[in-house]
Structure formats: structure tokens, C-alpha cells
C-alpha atoms as a PDB file:
ATOM      1  CA  MET A   1      54.198 -46.251 -36.887  1.00  0.00           C
ATOM      2  CA  ASN A   2      58.145 -43.563 -36.532  1.00  0.00           C
ATOM      3  CA  GLY A   3      55.827 -41.422 -39.738  1.00  0.00           C
ATOM      4  CA  GLU A   4      53.094 -41.522 -37.092  1.00  0.00           C
ATOM      5  CA  GLU A   5      55.071 -40.514 -33.808  1.00  0.00           C
ATOM      6  CA  ASN A   6      56.545 -37.340 -35.778  1.00  0.00           C
ATOM      7  CA  MET A   7      53.005 -36.316 -36.664  1.00  0.00           C
ATOM      8  CA  ALA A   8      51.621 -36.363 -33.304  1.00  0.00           C
ATOM      9  CA  VAL A   9      54.397 -34.652 -31.373  1.00  0.00           C
ATOM     10  CA  PRO A  10      53.301 -31.114 -33.155  1.00  0.00           C
ATOM     11  CA  GLU A  11      49.584 -32.452 -31.858  1.00  0.00           C
ATOM     12  CA  ASP A  12      51.452 -32.809 -27.975  1.00  0.00           C
ATOM     13  CA  GLN A  13      53.302 -29.586 -29.079  1.00  0.00           C
ATOM     14  CA  LEU A  14      50.441 -27.114 -30.321  1.00  0.00           C
ATOM     15  CA  SER A  15      48.241 -28.478 -27.364  1.00  0.00           C
ATOM     16  CA  ARG A  16      51.163 -27.711 -24.614  1.00  0.00           C
ATOM     17  CA  LEU A  17      51.259 -23.680 -26.273  1.00  0.00           C
ATOM     18  CA  ILE A  18      47.314 -23.738 -26.735  1.00  0.00           C
ATOM     19  CA  MET A  19      47.247 -24.282 -22.730  1.00  0.00           C
ATOM     20  CA  GLU A  20      49.955 -22.384 -21.694  1.00  0.00           C
ATOM     21  CA  ILE A  21      48.474 -19.111 -23.710  1.00  0.00           C
ATOM     22  CA  GLN A  22      45.153 -19.711 -22.225  1.00  0.00           C
ATOM     23  CA  PHE A  23      47.259 -20.145 -18.107  1.00  0.00           C
ATOM     24  CA  LEU A  24      48.533 -16.910 -19.012  1.00  0.00           C
ATOM     25  CA  GLU A  25      45.957 -14.974 -20.574  1.00  0.00           C
ATOM     26  CA  ARG A  26      43.735 -15.702 -17.407  1.00  0.00           C
ATOM     27  CA  THR A  27      46.942 -14.581 -15.656  1.00  0.00           C
ATOM     28  CA  PHE A  28      46.809 -11.590 -17.250  1.00  0.00           C
ATOM     29  CA  GLU A  29      43.140 -10.680 -16.578  1.00  0.00           C
ATOM     30  CA  GLU A  30      44.014 -11.279 -13.088  1.00  0.00           C
ATOM     31  CA  LEU A  31      46.830  -9.211 -12.721  1.00  0.00           C
ATOM     32  CA  GLN A  32      44.464  -6.561 -14.828  1.00  0.00           C
ATOM     33  CA  SER A  33      41.586  -7.007 -11.708  1.00  0.00           C
ATOM     34  CA  ARG A  34      44.492  -6.381  -9.314  1.00  0.00           C
ATOM     35  CA  ILE A  35      45.604  -3.379 -10.972  1.00  0.00           C
ATOM     36  CA  GLY A  36      42.364  -1.791 -10.351  1.00  0.00           C
ATOM     37  CA  LEU A  37      42.283  -2.699  -6.978  1.00  0.00           C
ATOM     38  CA  VAL A  38      44.956  -0.891  -6.442  1.00  0.00           C
ATOM     39  CA  ASN A  39      44.349   1.572  -8.114  1.00  0.00           C
ATOM     40  CA  ALA A  40      41.300   2.232  -6.253  1.00  0.00           C
ATOM     41  CA  SER A  41      43.167   1.989  -2.624  1.00  0.00           C
ATOM     42  CA  ILE A  42      45.564   4.686  -4.104  1.00  0.00           C
ATOM     43  CA  ASN A  43      42.710   6.714  -4.987  1.00  0.00           C
ATOM     44  CA  GLU A  44      41.600   6.337  -1.741  1.00  0.00           C
ATOM     45  CA  PHE A  45      44.508   7.701   0.044  1.00  0.00           C
ATOM     46  CA  ARG A  46      45.118  10.164  -1.948  1.00  0.00           C
ATOM     47  CA  LEU A  47      41.765  11.345  -1.443  1.00  0.00           C
ATOM     48  CA  ALA A  48      42.283  10.956   2.199  1.00  0.00           C
ATOM     49  CA  ASN A  49      45.238  13.291   2.405  1.00  0.00           C
ATOM     50  CA  ALA A  50      43.448  15.647   0.860  1.00  0.00           C
ATOM     51  CA  THR A  51      40.514  15.749   3.036  1.00  0.00           C
ATOM     52  CA  LEU A  52      43.366  15.932   6.215  1.00  0.00           C
ATOM     53  CA  GLU A  53      44.672  18.844   4.339  1.00  0.00           C
ATOM     54  CA  GLY A  54      41.355  20.968   3.893  1.00  0.00           C
ATOM     55  CA  MET A  55      40.911  19.284   7.845  1.00  0.00           C
ATOM     56  CA  GLN A  56      43.228  21.410   8.834  1.00  0.00           C
ATOM     57  CA  LYS A  57      41.827  24.338   7.378  1.00  0.00           C
ATOM     58  CA  GLU A  58      38.766  24.278   8.970  1.00  0.00           C
ATOM     59  CA  GLU A  59      37.866  25.726  12.201  1.00  0.00           C
ATOM     60  CA  THR A  60      35.926  23.765  15.114  1.00  0.00           C
ATOM     61  CA  ASP A  61      32.772  23.078  15.112  1.00  0.00           C
ATOM     62  CA  THR A  62      32.435  24.040  11.763  1.00  0.00           C
ATOM     63  CA  GLN A  63      30.036  22.008   9.172  1.00  0.00           C
ATOM     64  CA  ILE A  64      30.722  19.795   7.202  1.00  0.00           C
ATOM     65  CA  LEU A  65      28.917  16.547   5.108  1.00  0.00           C
ATOM     66  CA  VAL A  66      30.179  13.214   5.882  1.00  0.00           C
ATOM     67  CA  HIS A  67      29.807  10.728   3.425  1.00  0.00           C
ATOM     68  CA  ILE A  68      28.349   7.337   4.065  1.00  0.00           C
ATOM     69  CA  GLY A  69      28.259   5.470   1.131  1.00  0.00           C
ATOM     70  CA  GLY A  70      25.837   4.690  -1.662  1.00  0.00           C
ATOM     71  CA  GLY A  71      25.656   9.114  -2.545  1.00  0.00           C
ATOM     72  CA  SER A  72      24.252   9.897   0.452  1.00  0.00           C
ATOM     73  CA  TYR A  73      25.599  12.338   3.209  1.00  0.00           C
ATOM     74  CA  VAL A  74      24.885  13.936   7.017  1.00  0.00           C
ATOM     75  CA  LYS A  75      25.932  16.503   8.098  1.00  0.00           C
ATOM     76  CA  ALA A  76      28.401  16.898  10.820  1.00  0.00           C
ATOM     77  CA  LYS A  77      30.684  19.417  12.736  1.00  0.00           C
ATOM     78  CA  ILE A  78      34.573  18.869  13.472  1.00  0.00           C
ATOM     79  CA  ALA A  79      35.350  18.408  17.211  1.00  0.00           C
ATOM     80  CA  ASP A  80      39.131  18.579  16.340  1.00  0.00           C
ATOM     81  CA  THR A  81      40.903  19.788  13.579  1.00  0.00           C
ATOM     82  CA  GLN A  82      43.915  18.312  15.032  1.00  0.00           C
ATOM     83  CA  LYS A  83      43.565  14.773  15.720  1.00  0.00           C
ATOM     84  CA  LEU A  84      41.735  11.729  14.253  1.00  0.00           C
ATOM     85  CA  ILE A  85      40.311   8.246  14.558  1.00  0.00           C
ATOM     86  CA  MET A  86      42.574   5.989  12.314  1.00  0.00           C
ATOM     87  CA  SER A  87      42.785   2.398  11.276  1.00  0.00           C
ATOM     88  CA  ILE A  88      46.051   1.257  12.640  1.00  0.00           C
ATOM     89  CA  GLY A  89      45.018  -2.440  11.171  1.00  0.00           C
ATOM     90  CA  ALA A  90      43.674  -5.520  12.480  1.00  0.00           C
ATOM     91  CA  ASP A  91      40.502  -3.476  13.234  1.00  0.00           C
ATOM     92  CA  VAL A  92      41.986  -1.123  15.107  1.00  0.00           C
ATOM     93  CA  ALA A  93      42.018   2.248  15.228  1.00  0.00           C
ATOM     94  CA  ALA A  94      43.830   5.273  17.248  1.00  0.00           C
ATOM     95  CA  GLU A  95      43.743   8.625  17.818  1.00  0.00           C
ATOM     96  CA  LYS A  96      46.718  10.129  15.807  1.00  0.00           C
ATOM     97  CA  SER A  97      47.693  13.953  15.509  1.00  0.00           C
ATOM     98  CA  VAL A  98      46.534  15.122  11.463  1.00  0.00           C
ATOM     99  CA  ASP A  99      50.394  15.381  10.918  1.00  0.00           C
ATOM    100  CA  ALA A 100      51.087  11.500  11.377  1.00  0.00           C
ATOM    101  CA  ALA A 101      48.161  10.678   9.983  1.00  0.00           C
ATOM    102  CA  LYS A 102      49.416  12.214   6.773  1.00  0.00           C
ATOM    103  CA  GLU A 103      52.610  10.427   7.483  1.00  0.00           C
ATOM    104  CA  SER A 104      50.717   7.760   7.445  1.00  0.00           C
ATOM    105  CA  LEU A 105      48.746   7.803   4.443  1.00  0.00           C
ATOM    106  CA  ASP A 106      51.977   8.891   2.490  1.00  0.00           C
ATOM    107  CA  THR A 107      53.176   5.468   3.757  1.00  0.00           C
ATOM    108  CA  ARG A 108      50.816   3.559   2.263  1.00  0.00           C
ATOM    109  CA  LEU A 109      50.663   4.755  -0.568  1.00  0.00           C
ATOM    110  CA  GLN A 110      54.074   4.592  -1.265  1.00  0.00           C
ATOM    111  CA  GLU A 111      53.224   0.751  -0.998  1.00  0.00           C
ATOM    112  CA  PHE A 112      50.868   0.625  -3.037  1.00  0.00           C
ATOM    113  CA  GLU A 113      52.300   2.374  -5.984  1.00  0.00           C
ATOM    114  CA  LYS A 114      55.302  -0.543  -5.394  1.00  0.00           C
ATOM    115  CA  VAL A 115      52.969  -3.143  -5.697  1.00  0.00           C
ATOM    116  CA  ARG A 116      51.012  -1.422  -8.987  1.00  0.00           C
ATOM    117  CA  GLU A 117      54.788  -1.085 -10.543  1.00  0.00           C
ATOM    118  CA  SER A 118      55.324  -4.445  -9.535  1.00  0.00           C
ATOM    119  CA  LEU A 119      52.089  -5.411 -11.091  1.00  0.00           C
ATOM    120  CA  GLU A 120      52.058  -3.605 -13.894  1.00  0.00           C
ATOM    121  CA  GLN A 121      55.723  -5.286 -14.427  1.00  0.00           C
ATOM    122  CA  GLN A 122      54.402  -8.651 -14.189  1.00  0.00           C
ATOM    123  CA  LEU A 123      51.528  -7.602 -16.631  1.00  0.00           C
ATOM    124  CA  GLY A 124      53.647  -6.246 -19.360  1.00  0.00           C
ATOM    125  CA  GLN A 125      56.002  -9.864 -19.049  1.00  0.00           C
ATOM    126  CA  THR A 126      52.706 -11.493 -19.338  1.00  0.00           C
ATOM    127  CA  GLN A 127      52.067  -9.691 -22.783  1.00  0.00           C
ATOM    128  CA  THR A 128      55.199 -10.047 -24.068  1.00  0.00           C
ATOM    129  CA  ARG A 129      54.875 -14.067 -23.304  1.00  0.00           C
ATOM    130  CA  ILE A 130      51.440 -14.153 -24.277  1.00  0.00           C
ATOM    131  CA  SER A 131      52.920 -12.500 -27.703  1.00  0.00           C
ATOM    132  CA  THR A 132      55.753 -14.654 -28.175  1.00  0.00           C
ATOM    133  CA  LEU A 133      53.523 -17.744 -27.609  1.00  0.00           C
ATOM    134  CA  ARG A 134      50.905 -16.862 -29.795  1.00  0.00           C
ATOM    135  CA  GLN A 135      53.579 -16.335 -33.018  1.00  0.00           C
ATOM    136  CA  GLN A 136      55.090 -19.891 -32.355  1.00  0.00           C
ATOM    137  CA  LEU A 137      51.412 -21.154 -32.632  1.00  0.00           C
ATOM    138  CA  GLN A 138      50.778 -19.316 -35.366  1.00  0.00           C
ATOM    139  CA  LYS A 139      54.207 -20.203 -36.979  1.00  0.00           C
ATOM    140  CA  MET A 140      53.822 -24.479 -35.481  1.00  0.00           C
ATOM    141  CA  SER A 141      50.185 -24.616 -36.891  1.00  0.00           C
ATOM    142  CA  GLN A 142      51.036 -23.336 -39.991  1.00  0.00           C
ATOM    143  CA  GLU A 143      54.101 -26.059 -40.328  1.00  0.00           C
ATOM    144  CA  VAL A 144      51.094 -29.321 -38.921  1.00  0.00           C
ATOM    145  CA  PRO A 145      50.102 -31.329 -42.384  1.00  0.00           C
ATOM    146  CA  LYS A 146      46.890 -30.707 -43.253  1.00  0.00           C
ATOM    147  CA  GLY A 147      44.298 -33.093 -41.478  1.00  0.00           C
ATOM    148  CA  GLN A 148      46.179 -32.630 -38.156  1.00  0.00           C
ATOM    149  CA  THR A 149      44.854 -29.724 -36.404  1.00  0.00           C
END
């Protein structure tokens, strides 16, 4: 009976190790997905900021194309080059100067860059842990007697 207990321990350890690797792989994929979403937001903030900088240089009543989604645009005229309506959260918008809006966008951009940095650090740690566990799994699977896995 003592021999059977010793053979069951490696199988149990292998199963737990495999389950942990699978969990970490799902976590890795989720982190990659989150980084993609954060990168999209960062790009959106950068584009908005560049657009505001360009808008400040335009004259009132300058005709522009406004993107409405799906590769479609409408012609519009800028009524005021120094103020805009900006979301401030919770489905609330307020009129802001272009400079105040740019500051707000810069602040949000910095926050998202910090989030991305944190996610990338977690991603690296997860990848390191996966590699370590895979090495352990390979070593353990070579030690299990034939016919036990």
C-alpha cells in the first residue's frame, strides 16, 4: 500500500500543476486583452489631443469632416475654436476651454499609461510563472514511472 501512495502523489501533483498552468494561461490571455483595450483608449486620447491642437489653429466657420463611425463622415463648420463639450464622466458633459480639455485628456492619458504599465508588469510576471511551472511539469513528468500518467 505504501508503494501505491507514492505513485498517486506524483499524479496528483501533476494534475495540480497542469491546472495551475491552464489558469495562468487564461490569466495571460485576459491580461493581453486588457492591454489591447487600454492601448485603444490611449490612442483615442492622443488622437483627441492632436485634433484639439489642430482645431485651435482654425478659424471660426472653418469646414471640417466629422467622423460618425463606420468609415463615414459629415461636413460641419466649427462654431467656436476655443470651447467644446467634453464628457466628465457618468454620462455628464460640460463646456470646457480647449486648453482645459487638453489638460484633462493629458491627465487621463497618463492614468491609462500607468494602467498599461501595471498590466504589462503583471503579464511579464505571469509569463515567468508559466515558464517556471512548465519546466517543473516537464521535470516531474520525466520522473513519473512509465504507465503512471
